[in-house]
Amino acid sequence: MRKIKFILAFMVAAAFLFPSATVKAMNEPKTIQAFEEPYFISYNGNESLAEGKLITYDGKTYIPLLDVSNLLGLTFGSSSENIYLSGSPAISLNKNAHALPKEPIESTNALKVNPAISTYAGIVLENGNNSVPVFSKNAQKKLYPASTTKIMTMLLALENGDLKETVTIGSGVATVPFDSSKAGVKPGDRMTLEQLLYALMLPSGNDAAVAVAEHIGGSVDQFVKMMNNRAKELGAMNTSFTNPHGYHHPNLYTTASDLALIVREAAKNPAFLKITGTPTYTATYKSKEGKTITKTWKNTNKLVQTSTPFYLSSIKAGKTGYTGEARYNLVSIATIGKRQYIIVLLRGEKDQGYKDTKNLVNAIQAKQSKMIDKRTTMNIFPFTNKLYVNDLEMSTNSNLFIKDGQPYIATDSIKELSPIFSSVKVSQSPTLKASFNQDLIPLGQGEAVIQNGRMLVPIRSFSEKANLTLHWDQKNKTVTANSADILIEMKINSKTATVNGKKVELDVPPTILNGRTLLPLRFISESIGATVDWGRARTLYLY
């Protein structure tokens, strides 16, 4: 009856969350590819198979808010598009009403490659799965970014400007160092912001970078502050900008890992991909005197130039960088199969970055062909309203989304809902579990094994659930398990056992592994008339 009430509550919630005249975002679902899988919940030595599914997306894990409310014994409700949880939190783990999952989704076994590259530092991230880099070499070393700095400059322009707005080039463009790469824009020139971004990214114009900074930030100094603030917001904590173009300065530095975070954010904008992936671009604009000027800018990135031997069709966008101190840097956004990858290479020699990028792409393609991608395409709605627990507004709404009318919450936000939890962790890989009469047997990672299709579990974990008394004969290597009416005798590494004096042949023998005595689960359960099951899934640990 209680479960029916919860279901009815969610049906009512869906009606409130999806009215016809609601927030625009509610009518525009975001299509994502994510892992969706069963999961276990573990708390204070007790475990249970959750009712809902665990979703892994963009390196974060989410579970149904209904699972959390059921776990805490809270009542779910909604009105005015907000969500309300109420009641006195008290942990309750139910028995397993469903069969345990047999085929786990390998959601954390991310693709990884390790080809030899000549560039000093590099990293590859797969968009949508940022928990583990696909490739990493010296990714945390502080290095000079050179003109890859312009990626942050363009990101801020896209976030704070309009591509169609007119930009009047300021006087600061005349002050860039004489040996800078330039697009040839002059003070007083008038062009669209979009044209200016082509001037920034294709010929790598330092003059265009200053023009963007003055237009967006009001001054170069103010814009540099914006750059550093945005870097910190993106988690690029080992990055420092001193100018908008990357001309060498000892305090202008980043890491391959940090730069990848900046690139990943920029790559979310279609305009960034379009502009930085364009081989050549012709702009027509007005000079200060009103004269029509036509300029054609060629992309410095040979990976997108079909006329070069380094052209790669999988590279959709990117940015080069060079100074004598930084050496040759290269950033690429690649589409390989159905996946997008961010490739950052720092401090190479001439053309090394192109060769290394090709090697990385080839390695990913080869590895991809051998992997089975179990991600699911799904539509989610960002939750933009409010979540209350006992009338207290939570700050977790940015970590919520709606799928199929049901709210999901990020697992790292669960502890905000109740003081019962001090820490929450999701296992990185599936854990082998067993149940006895629908109760999960608490097993740690690696404590149970499968041999010849049969599960063996630690003797003490099982005996406590089965209320069996154990006796270990060290001399004869014999295990005796008994209750009021059952006596089971087994010998280590022997396939012959006795149940109440009657011989029984085993599929797998008891064994000792890593100092633990393991017994065949099904044999013992059948001997005492119990129901058992086994399965694999990731585990949500609550502390």
Protein backbone atom coordinates (compact mmCIF):
# COMPACT_ATOMS: atom_id res chain seq x y z
CA MET A 1 0.00 0.00 0.00
CA ARG A 2 2.82 2.38 0.87
CA LYS A 3 4.50 1.72 -2.47
CA ILE A 4 1.22 2.48 -4.27
CA LYS A 5 1.02 5.79 -2.42
CA PHE A 6 4.56 6.67 -3.55
CA ILE A 7 3.70 5.83 -7.16
CA LEU A 8 0.54 7.95 -6.99
CA ALA A 9 2.57 10.76 -5.47
CA PHE A 10 4.98 10.68 -8.39
CA MET A 11 2.11 10.64 -10.89
CA VAL A 12 0.82 13.79 -9.26
CA ALA A 13 4.36 15.21 -9.22
CA ALA A 14 4.74 14.59 -12.94
CA ALA A 15 1.52 16.51 -13.58
CA PHE A 16 2.93 19.49 -11.69
CA LEU A 17 6.38 19.25 -13.24
CA PHE A 18 5.20 19.04 -16.84
CA PRO A 19 2.23 21.39 -17.34
CA SER A 20 1.70 22.71 -20.86
CA ALA A 21 2.60 26.28 -19.88
CA THR A 22 5.69 25.61 -17.80
CA VAL A 23 9.29 26.79 -18.06
CA LYS A 24 10.64 26.61 -21.60
CA ALA A 25 13.42 24.20 -20.63
CA MET A 26 10.78 21.69 -19.57
CA ASN A 27 9.58 21.49 -23.18
CA GLU A 28 13.10 21.13 -24.56
CA PRO A 29 14.64 17.93 -23.24
CA LYS A 30 18.37 17.45 -23.35
CA THR A 31 19.39 14.29 -25.18
CA ILE A 32 22.28 12.52 -23.50
CA GLN A 33 24.04 9.18 -23.65
CA ALA A 34 24.48 7.64 -20.24
CA PHE A 35 24.92 4.34 -18.45
CA GLU A 36 21.79 3.07 -16.71
CA GLU A 37 22.15 0.09 -14.40
CA PRO A 38 20.81 -1.62 -11.27
CA TYR A 39 22.67 -0.84 -8.05
CA PHE A 40 22.96 -1.96 -4.45
CA ILE A 41 22.64 0.22 -1.35
CA SER A 42 24.91 -0.45 1.64
CA TYR A 43 24.50 1.16 5.06
CA ASN A 44 25.84 0.14 8.46
CA GLY A 45 26.49 -3.47 7.45
CA ASN A 46 23.10 -3.95 5.76
CA GLU A 47 22.58 -4.11 2.01
CA SER A 48 19.72 -4.18 -0.47
CA LEU A 49 19.07 -4.04 -4.20
CA ALA A 50 17.63 -0.59 -5.02
CA GLU A 51 14.25 -0.25 -6.71
CA GLY A 52 15.46 2.29 -9.28
CA LYS A 53 18.46 2.52 -11.59
CA LEU A 54 21.80 4.27 -11.22
CA ILE A 55 22.59 6.68 -14.05
CA THR A 56 26.19 7.63 -14.84
CA TYR A 57 26.52 10.72 -17.00
CA ASP A 58 29.41 13.10 -17.60
CA GLY A 59 31.42 11.48 -14.83
CA LYS A 60 28.70 11.86 -12.17
CA THR A 61 26.25 9.34 -10.75
CA TYR A 62 22.54 9.92 -10.12
CA ILE A 63 19.78 7.88 -8.47
CA PRO A 64 15.99 8.37 -8.32
CA LEU A 65 14.95 10.78 -5.59
CA LEU A 66 12.21 8.24 -4.81
CA ASP A 67 14.90 5.73 -3.82
CA VAL A 68 16.29 8.27 -1.36
CA SER A 69 12.87 9.12 0.09
CA ASN A 70 12.08 5.41 0.48
CA LEU A 71 15.44 4.81 2.13
CA LEU A 72 14.90 7.65 4.61
CA GLY A 73 11.20 6.95 5.14
CA LEU A 74 10.24 10.41 3.88
CA THR A 75 6.97 11.39 2.22
CA PHE A 76 7.22 12.79 -1.29
CA GLY A 77 5.00 15.59 -2.58
CA SER A 78 4.96 18.50 -5.02
CA SER A 79 3.14 21.75 -5.72
CA SER A 80 3.88 24.81 -7.84
CA GLU A 81 6.50 22.71 -9.66
CA ASN A 82 8.62 22.36 -6.51
CA ILE A 83 9.42 19.07 -4.75
CA TYR A 84 8.84 18.48 -1.05
CA LEU A 85 10.21 15.72 1.17
CA SER A 86 8.91 15.54 4.73
CA GLY A 87 9.16 13.35 7.81
CA SER A 88 11.70 12.14 10.34
CA PRO A 89 14.58 10.42 8.51
CA ALA A 90 15.10 6.79 9.55
CA ILE A 91 17.08 4.32 7.46
CA SER A 92 15.11 1.33 6.18
CA LEU A 93 16.50 -1.26 3.74
CA ASN A 94 13.94 -3.63 2.26
CA LYS A 95 14.40 -7.27 1.32
CA ASN A 96 15.19 -7.97 -2.33
CA ALA A 97 11.95 -8.55 -4.20
CA HIS A 98 13.73 -8.91 -7.54
CA ALA A 99 16.35 -11.26 -8.93
CA LEU A 100 19.87 -9.90 -8.60
CA PRO A 101 21.39 -8.44 -11.80
CA LYS A 102 23.63 -10.94 -13.63
CA GLU A 103 25.07 -8.72 -16.39
CA PRO A 104 26.57 -5.53 -14.97
CA ILE A 105 27.00 -2.43 -17.10
CA GLU A 106 30.71 -1.64 -17.22
CA SER A 107 30.05 2.06 -16.76
CA THR A 108 33.43 2.91 -15.27
CA ASN A 109 35.58 0.78 -17.54
CA ALA A 110 36.32 3.79 -19.70
CA LEU A 111 38.25 3.43 -22.91
CA LYS A 112 41.97 3.91 -22.31
CA VAL A 113 44.87 4.00 -24.75
CA ASN A 114 48.60 4.41 -24.27
CA PRO A 115 50.40 4.99 -27.57
CA ALA A 116 53.90 6.41 -27.51
CA ILE A 117 53.88 10.16 -28.16
CA SER A 118 56.82 12.52 -28.55
CA THR A 119 55.11 15.60 -27.13
CA TYR A 120 56.13 16.26 -23.52
CA ALA A 121 52.61 16.44 -22.06
CA GLY A 122 49.16 15.45 -23.18
CA ILE A 123 45.70 14.32 -22.18
CA VAL A 124 42.62 12.94 -23.91
CA LEU A 125 39.14 13.27 -22.41
CA GLU A 126 36.00 11.65 -23.72
CA ASN A 127 33.07 14.05 -23.53
CA GLY A 128 30.28 12.60 -21.43
CA ASN A 129 32.65 10.40 -19.44
CA ASN A 130 35.13 12.63 -17.72
CA SER A 131 35.86 10.46 -14.69
CA VAL A 132 38.92 8.77 -16.22
CA PRO A 133 41.16 10.25 -18.96
CA VAL A 134 41.47 8.16 -22.10
CA PHE A 135 45.16 9.08 -22.20
CA SER A 136 47.44 11.03 -19.91
CA LYS A 137 51.12 11.98 -19.93
CA ASN A 138 52.59 14.64 -17.62
CA ALA A 139 49.08 16.12 -17.59
CA GLN A 140 49.59 18.00 -14.30
CA LYS A 141 52.89 19.69 -15.25
CA LYS A 142 52.70 23.48 -15.48
CA LEU A 143 53.56 24.61 -19.01
CA TYR A 144 53.11 27.66 -21.23
CA PRO A 145 49.92 27.55 -23.35
CA ALA A 146 50.99 30.06 -26.05
CA SER A 147 48.07 30.77 -28.42
CA THR A 148 45.88 28.01 -27.01
CA THR A 149 45.16 30.79 -24.48
CA LYS A 150 42.78 32.14 -27.13
CA ILE A 151 40.38 29.27 -26.40
CA MET A 152 39.51 30.93 -23.09
CA THR A 153 39.29 34.30 -24.85
CA MET A 154 36.79 32.89 -27.34
CA LEU A 155 34.83 31.08 -24.62
CA LEU A 156 34.28 34.35 -22.74
CA ALA A 157 33.31 36.13 -25.96
CA LEU A 158 30.69 33.46 -26.72
CA GLU A 159 29.36 33.54 -23.16
CA ASN A 160 29.20 37.33 -22.87
CA GLY A 161 28.63 38.58 -26.40
CA ASP A 162 26.38 38.20 -29.44
CA LEU A 163 27.96 36.93 -32.65
CA LYS A 164 25.93 39.41 -34.71
CA GLU A 165 26.79 42.51 -32.67
CA THR A 166 29.09 45.10 -34.19
CA VAL A 167 32.54 45.53 -32.68
CA THR A 168 34.58 48.68 -33.13
CA ILE A 169 38.24 47.73 -32.82
CA GLY A 170 39.90 49.61 -29.96
CA SER A 171 43.28 51.33 -29.83
CA GLY A 172 44.86 48.49 -27.85
CA VAL A 173 45.39 46.39 -30.98
CA ALA A 174 48.26 48.69 -31.93
CA THR A 175 50.14 47.77 -28.77
CA VAL A 176 50.60 44.03 -29.33
CA PRO A 177 54.27 42.97 -29.55
CA PHE A 178 55.80 43.43 -33.01
CA ASP A 179 56.64 39.73 -33.36
CA SER A 180 53.09 38.61 -32.58
CA SER A 181 50.93 36.65 -34.98
CA LYS A 182 48.36 39.11 -36.31
CA ALA A 183 45.08 39.10 -38.22
CA GLY A 184 45.60 42.64 -39.50
CA VAL A 185 42.68 44.37 -37.78
CA LYS A 186 43.18 48.09 -37.11
CA PRO A 187 41.84 50.60 -34.58
CA GLY A 188 38.45 51.87 -35.72
CA ASP A 189 37.65 48.87 -37.94
CA ARG A 190 34.01 47.79 -37.60
CA MET A 191 33.01 44.13 -37.93
CA THR A 192 30.75 41.61 -36.28
CA LEU A 193 31.91 39.72 -33.23
CA GLU A 194 31.69 36.55 -35.31
CA GLN A 195 34.13 37.95 -37.87
CA LEU A 196 36.45 39.06 -35.08
CA LEU A 197 36.45 35.52 -33.64
CA TYR A 198 37.50 34.14 -37.01
CA ALA A 199 40.34 36.69 -36.94
CA LEU A 200 41.20 35.50 -33.44
CA MET A 201 41.24 31.75 -34.09
CA LEU A 202 42.21 31.10 -37.72
CA PRO A 203 45.35 33.25 -38.20
CA SER A 204 45.74 33.32 -34.39
CA GLY A 205 45.60 37.09 -34.28
CA ASN A 206 46.96 38.61 -31.09
CA ASP A 207 45.53 41.92 -32.28
CA ALA A 208 42.10 40.29 -32.51
CA ALA A 209 42.55 38.90 -28.99
CA VAL A 210 43.12 42.39 -27.60
CA ALA A 211 40.08 43.65 -29.53
CA VAL A 212 37.92 40.90 -28.03
CA ALA A 213 39.24 41.65 -24.54
CA GLU A 214 38.49 45.37 -24.81
CA HIS A 215 35.04 44.75 -26.27
CA ILE A 216 33.94 42.10 -23.75
CA GLY A 217 35.82 43.21 -20.64
CA GLY A 218 36.09 46.95 -21.16
CA SER A 219 39.86 46.69 -20.80
CA VAL A 220 42.51 44.03 -21.18
CA ASP A 221 43.19 44.01 -17.43
CA GLN A 222 39.53 43.49 -16.58
CA PHE A 223 39.22 40.77 -19.21
CA VAL A 224 42.24 38.91 -17.80
CA LYS A 225 40.49 38.89 -14.42
CA MET A 226 37.46 37.36 -16.13
CA MET A 227 39.72 34.72 -17.69
CA ASN A 228 41.23 33.70 -14.36
CA ASN A 229 37.87 33.65 -12.60
CA ARG A 230 36.34 31.48 -15.32
CA ALA A 231 39.30 29.09 -15.18
CA LYS A 232 38.73 28.54 -11.46
CA GLU A 233 35.01 28.00 -12.05
CA LEU A 234 35.87 25.23 -14.51
CA GLY A 235 38.23 23.55 -12.06
CA ALA A 236 41.41 24.71 -13.83
CA MET A 237 43.18 25.46 -10.55
CA ASN A 238 46.73 25.32 -11.94
CA THR A 239 46.15 27.91 -14.63
CA SER A 240 47.11 31.59 -14.66
CA PHE A 241 46.43 34.08 -17.46
CA THR A 242 48.21 37.42 -17.89
CA ASN A 243 46.96 38.37 -21.36
CA PRO A 244 44.20 37.30 -23.78
CA HIS A 245 46.45 35.94 -26.54
CA GLY A 246 49.19 33.79 -25.02
CA TYR A 247 52.26 35.88 -25.86
CA HIS A 248 54.91 34.60 -23.48
CA HIS A 249 54.89 35.74 -19.87
CA PRO A 250 56.43 33.76 -16.98
CA ASN A 251 53.15 33.94 -15.04
CA LEU A 252 51.03 32.74 -17.95
CA TYR A 253 50.79 28.98 -17.54
CA THR A 254 48.44 26.00 -17.51
CA THR A 255 48.50 22.20 -17.51
CA ALA A 256 47.28 19.78 -20.14
CA SER A 257 44.60 18.68 -17.69
CA ASP A 258 43.42 22.23 -16.97
CA LEU A 259 43.41 23.22 -20.62
CA ALA A 260 41.29 20.17 -21.44
CA LEU A 261 38.66 21.38 -18.95
CA ILE A 262 38.55 24.77 -20.68
CA VAL A 263 38.36 23.17 -24.13
CA ARG A 264 35.59 20.82 -23.02
CA GLU A 265 33.48 23.79 -21.92
CA ALA A 266 34.17 25.71 -25.13
CA ALA A 267 33.30 22.67 -27.24
CA LYS A 268 29.76 22.74 -25.87
CA ASN A 269 29.15 25.79 -28.06
CA PRO A 270 28.48 24.97 -31.75
CA ALA A 271 29.98 28.32 -32.78
CA PHE A 272 33.32 27.35 -31.25
CA LEU A 273 33.40 24.11 -33.24
CA LYS A 274 32.30 25.83 -36.43
CA ILE A 275 34.82 28.66 -36.28
CA THR A 276 37.88 26.71 -35.12
CA GLY A 277 37.15 23.92 -37.60
CA THR A 278 36.96 26.23 -40.63
CA PRO A 279 39.98 25.92 -43.01
CA THR A 280 39.67 29.44 -44.49
CA TYR A 281 37.32 32.35 -43.99
CA THR A 282 36.76 35.57 -45.90
CA ALA A 283 35.45 38.59 -44.00
CA THR A 284 34.16 41.84 -45.44
CA TYR A 285 33.99 44.76 -43.02
CA LYS A 286 34.50 48.54 -42.78
CA SER A 287 37.58 50.51 -41.87
CA LYS A 288 37.56 53.54 -39.58
CA GLU A 289 37.14 55.73 -42.65
CA GLY A 290 34.23 53.63 -43.95
CA LYS A 291 36.24 51.85 -46.64
CA THR A 292 35.22 48.26 -47.43
CA ILE A 293 37.93 45.80 -46.44
CA THR A 294 38.03 42.16 -47.49
CA LYS A 295 40.40 39.75 -45.78
CA THR A 296 40.84 36.00 -46.05
CA TRP A 297 42.22 34.19 -43.02
CA LYS A 298 43.66 30.68 -43.21
CA ASN A 299 43.55 28.31 -40.26
CA THR A 300 47.00 27.61 -38.79
CA ASN A 301 45.80 24.11 -37.84
CA LYS A 302 46.99 21.63 -40.48
CA LEU A 303 44.65 18.93 -39.17
CA VAL A 304 41.65 20.72 -40.71
CA GLN A 305 43.41 21.68 -43.96
CA THR A 306 42.58 19.11 -46.66
CA SER A 307 45.59 20.22 -48.70
CA THR A 308 48.12 19.13 -46.04
CA PRO A 309 49.46 15.61 -45.37
CA PHE A 310 48.34 15.98 -41.74
CA TYR A 311 44.63 16.36 -42.51
CA LEU A 312 42.38 14.12 -40.39
CA SER A 313 38.67 13.92 -41.16
CA SER A 314 37.94 12.99 -37.54
CA ILE A 315 39.28 16.34 -36.29
CA LYS A 316 36.38 18.78 -36.24
CA ALA A 317 38.00 21.75 -34.52
CA GLY A 318 41.09 22.84 -32.62
CA LYS A 319 43.78 25.42 -31.99
CA THR A 320 47.52 25.64 -32.44
CA GLY A 321 49.97 27.51 -30.24
CA TYR A 322 53.65 28.39 -30.41
CA THR A 323 56.25 30.50 -28.67
CA GLY A 324 59.93 29.83 -28.25
CA GLU A 325 59.41 29.14 -24.57
CA ALA A 326 56.22 27.08 -24.93
CA ARG A 327 57.31 25.21 -28.08
CA TYR A 328 54.52 23.72 -30.18
CA ASN A 329 51.09 23.16 -28.62
CA LEU A 330 48.02 21.63 -30.23
CA VAL A 331 44.42 21.23 -29.11
CA SER A 332 41.95 19.11 -31.08
CA ILE A 333 38.29 18.15 -30.82
CA ALA A 334 37.81 14.79 -32.53
CA THR A 335 34.72 12.79 -33.39
CA ILE A 336 35.58 9.09 -33.39
CA GLY A 337 32.69 6.72 -33.88
CA LYS A 338 29.81 8.30 -32.00
CA ARG A 339 32.02 9.90 -29.36
CA GLN A 340 33.68 13.30 -29.02
CA TYR A 341 37.21 13.51 -27.63
CA ILE A 342 39.25 16.46 -26.36
CA ILE A 343 42.94 16.06 -27.23
CA VAL A 344 45.50 18.42 -25.68
CA LEU A 345 49.22 18.19 -26.49
CA LEU A 346 51.75 20.61 -24.97
CA ARG A 347 55.43 21.28 -25.54
CA GLY A 348 56.28 19.35 -28.67
CA GLU A 349 58.52 20.12 -31.60
CA LYS A 350 57.37 21.17 -35.05
CA ASP A 351 54.65 18.90 -36.49
CA GLN A 352 54.98 16.45 -33.57
CA GLY A 353 51.53 17.38 -32.34
CA TYR A 354 49.96 16.43 -35.67
CA LYS A 355 51.69 13.06 -35.69
CA ASP A 356 50.87 12.39 -32.04
CA THR A 357 47.23 13.36 -32.58
CA LYS A 358 47.00 10.89 -35.46
CA ASN A 359 48.53 8.15 -33.30
CA LEU A 360 46.05 8.87 -30.52
CA VAL A 361 43.09 8.89 -32.91
CA ASN A 362 44.21 5.60 -34.46
CA ALA A 363 44.64 4.03 -31.02
CA ILE A 364 41.17 5.13 -29.94
CA GLN A 365 39.62 3.84 -33.17
CA ALA A 366 41.31 0.45 -32.72
CA LYS A 367 40.20 0.20 -29.08
CA GLN A 368 36.68 1.38 -29.85
CA SER A 369 36.17 -1.41 -32.39
CA LYS A 370 36.77 -3.99 -29.65
CA MET A 371 34.47 -2.42 -27.07
CA ILE A 372 30.75 -2.85 -26.65
CA ASP A 373 29.23 0.50 -25.79
CA LYS A 374 26.35 -0.02 -23.38
CA ARG A 375 25.37 3.62 -23.05
CA THR A 376 21.70 4.43 -23.48
CA THR A 377 20.32 7.46 -25.31
CA MET A 378 17.83 9.24 -23.07
CA ASN A 379 16.07 12.57 -22.71
CA ILE A 380 16.37 14.50 -19.47
CA PHE A 381 14.93 17.82 -18.29
CA PRO A 382 17.13 20.00 -16.06
CA PHE A 383 15.31 20.68 -12.79
CA THR A 384 15.15 24.45 -12.38
CA ASN A 385 12.69 24.73 -9.49
CA LYS A 386 13.20 24.08 -5.77
CA LEU A 387 13.62 21.06 -3.53
CA TYR A 388 12.53 21.29 0.12
CA VAL A 389 13.18 18.86 2.97
CA ASN A 390 10.90 19.58 5.93
CA ASP A 391 10.31 23.09 4.53
CA LEU A 392 14.05 23.79 4.33
CA GLU A 393 15.19 24.73 0.83
CA MET A 394 18.05 22.60 -0.44
CA SER A 395 20.86 23.93 -2.64
CA THR A 396 20.92 20.79 -4.78
CA ASN A 397 18.57 21.79 -7.61
CA SER A 398 21.52 22.10 -10.02
CA ASN A 399 22.27 18.44 -9.28
CA LEU A 400 18.76 17.27 -10.16
CA PHE A 401 17.15 16.34 -13.45
CA ILE A 402 13.87 14.78 -14.54
CA LYS A 403 13.75 11.55 -16.54
CA ASP A 404 10.47 9.88 -17.49
CA GLY A 405 8.67 12.12 -15.00
CA GLN A 406 10.93 11.06 -12.13
CA PRO A 407 13.47 13.31 -10.38
CA TYR A 408 17.05 12.05 -10.14
CA ILE A 409 19.61 13.46 -7.71
CA ALA A 410 23.41 13.41 -7.88
CA THR A 411 24.73 10.91 -5.35
CA ASP A 412 27.21 13.42 -3.93
CA SER A 413 24.23 15.64 -2.98
CA ILE A 414 22.40 12.97 -0.96
CA LYS A 415 24.16 13.87 2.29
CA GLU A 416 22.62 17.35 2.08
CA LEU A 417 19.16 15.81 2.52
CA SER A 418 19.78 14.29 5.95
CA PRO A 419 22.33 14.60 8.79
CA ILE A 420 22.26 10.79 9.02
CA PHE A 421 24.84 10.64 6.23
CA SER A 422 28.32 12.07 6.57
CA SER A 423 29.70 10.55 3.38
CA VAL A 424 28.42 8.93 0.19
CA LYS A 425 30.45 6.84 -2.24
CA VAL A 426 29.64 4.78 -5.33
CA SER A 427 31.89 1.83 -6.10
CA GLN A 428 33.94 2.25 -9.26
CA SER A 429 33.26 -1.27 -10.50
CA PRO A 430 30.53 -3.90 -10.08
CA THR A 431 30.61 -5.92 -6.87
CA LEU A 432 29.66 -9.58 -6.65
CA LYS A 433 26.76 -10.07 -4.21
CA ALA A 434 24.74 -13.01 -2.87
CA SER A 435 21.35 -13.15 -1.17
CA PHE A 436 20.03 -15.64 1.38
CA ASN A 437 16.23 -15.85 1.61
CA GLN A 438 16.12 -12.43 -0.14
CA ASP A 439 18.54 -10.85 2.36
CA LEU A 440 21.85 -9.68 0.91
CA ILE A 441 24.93 -11.20 2.48
CA PRO A 442 27.32 -8.30 3.23
CA LEU A 443 30.34 -8.91 1.03
CA GLY A 444 33.24 -6.59 0.36
CA GLN A 445 34.95 -6.10 -2.99
CA GLY A 446 36.60 -9.37 -4.02
CA GLU A 447 35.27 -11.38 -1.07
CA ALA A 448 33.20 -13.73 -3.26
CA VAL A 449 34.36 -15.59 -6.37
CA ILE A 450 32.82 -17.53 -9.24
CA GLN A 451 34.40 -20.88 -10.15
CA ASN A 452 32.99 -23.13 -12.88
CA GLY A 453 29.75 -21.18 -12.81
CA ARG A 454 29.32 -21.61 -9.05
CA MET A 455 29.63 -18.94 -6.39
CA LEU A 456 31.83 -19.35 -3.34
CA VAL A 457 31.40 -17.02 -0.36
CA PRO A 458 33.35 -16.43 2.86
CA ILE A 459 32.31 -19.00 5.42
CA ARG A 460 31.63 -16.53 8.23
CA SER A 461 29.55 -14.10 6.12
CA PHE A 462 27.20 -16.90 5.09
CA SER A 463 27.02 -18.73 8.42
CA GLU A 464 25.85 -15.60 10.24
CA LYS A 465 22.91 -15.18 7.84
CA ALA A 466 22.09 -18.92 7.92
CA ASN A 467 22.39 -19.25 11.72
CA LEU A 468 24.90 -22.09 11.35
CA THR A 469 27.48 -23.03 13.95
CA LEU A 470 30.94 -23.55 12.46
CA HIS A 471 33.84 -25.73 13.45
CA TRP A 472 37.22 -25.78 11.74
CA ASP A 473 39.49 -28.82 12.02
CA GLN A 474 42.92 -27.46 11.19
CA LYS A 475 44.60 -30.89 11.16
CA ASN A 476 42.16 -32.49 8.69
CA LYS A 477 41.29 -29.25 6.83
CA THR A 478 37.62 -29.96 7.46
CA VAL A 479 34.73 -27.52 7.91
CA THR A 480 31.66 -28.55 9.90
CA ALA A 481 28.47 -26.47 9.77
CA ASN A 482 25.48 -27.44 11.84
CA SER A 483 22.11 -26.29 13.12
CA ALA A 484 19.43 -28.06 15.16
CA ASP A 485 18.65 -30.59 12.40
CA ILE A 486 21.47 -30.28 9.84
CA LEU A 487 25.09 -31.42 9.94
CA ILE A 488 27.27 -30.57 6.94
CA GLU A 489 30.89 -31.71 6.65
CA MET A 490 33.24 -30.51 3.91
CA LYS A 491 36.94 -30.91 3.29
CA ILE A 492 39.03 -28.18 1.66
CA ASN A 493 39.66 -28.90 -2.05
CA SER A 494 37.47 -32.03 -1.95
CA LYS A 495 34.37 -32.41 -4.14
CA THR A 496 32.85 -34.90 -1.70
CA ALA A 497 30.84 -33.67 1.28
CA THR A 498 28.32 -35.19 3.69
CA VAL A 499 24.89 -33.92 4.74
CA ASN A 500 23.58 -35.69 7.85
CA GLY A 501 26.00 -38.53 7.10
CA LYS A 502 24.97 -38.90 3.43
CA LYS A 503 27.66 -38.35 0.77
CA VAL A 504 27.07 -35.58 -1.78
CA GLU A 505 29.18 -34.73 -4.85
CA LEU A 506 29.99 -31.02 -5.28
CA ASP A 507 30.39 -29.03 -8.51
CA VAL A 508 33.14 -26.99 -6.88
CA PRO A 509 35.02 -27.78 -3.65
CA PRO A 510 35.54 -25.51 -0.64
CA THR A 511 38.79 -23.61 -0.97
CA ILE A 512 41.10 -21.20 0.81
CA LEU A 513 41.86 -18.02 -1.13
CA ASN A 514 43.92 -15.10 0.19
CA GLY A 515 43.60 -16.48 3.71
CA ARG A 516 39.80 -16.75 3.57
CA THR A 517 37.83 -19.99 3.61
CA LEU A 518 35.25 -20.02 0.81
CA LEU A 519 32.27 -22.39 0.62
CA PRO A 520 29.99 -23.23 -2.35
CA LEU A 521 26.89 -21.12 -1.73
CA ARG A 522 24.28 -23.13 -3.63
CA PHE A 523 25.27 -26.47 -2.09
CA ILE A 524 24.90 -25.22 1.47
CA SER A 525 21.68 -23.34 0.77
CA GLU A 526 20.09 -26.39 -0.86
CA SER A 527 21.22 -28.52 2.08
CA ILE A 528 19.38 -26.30 4.56
CA GLY A 529 16.40 -25.52 2.29
CA ALA A 530 17.17 -21.83 1.76
CA THR A 531 16.67 -19.66 -1.33
CA VAL A 532 19.81 -18.01 -2.69
CA ASP A 533 20.68 -15.78 -5.59
CA TRP A 534 23.76 -13.96 -6.81
CA GLY A 535 24.49 -11.01 -9.07
CA ARG A 536 26.81 -8.12 -9.86
CA ALA A 537 26.24 -4.37 -9.73
CA ARG A 538 27.83 -1.23 -8.39
CA THR A 539 27.15 -0.28 -4.79
CA LEU A 540 26.09 3.01 -3.21
CA TYR A 541 27.83 3.16 0.17
CA LEU A 542 26.28 5.45 2.79
CA TYR A 543 28.26 6.35 5.92
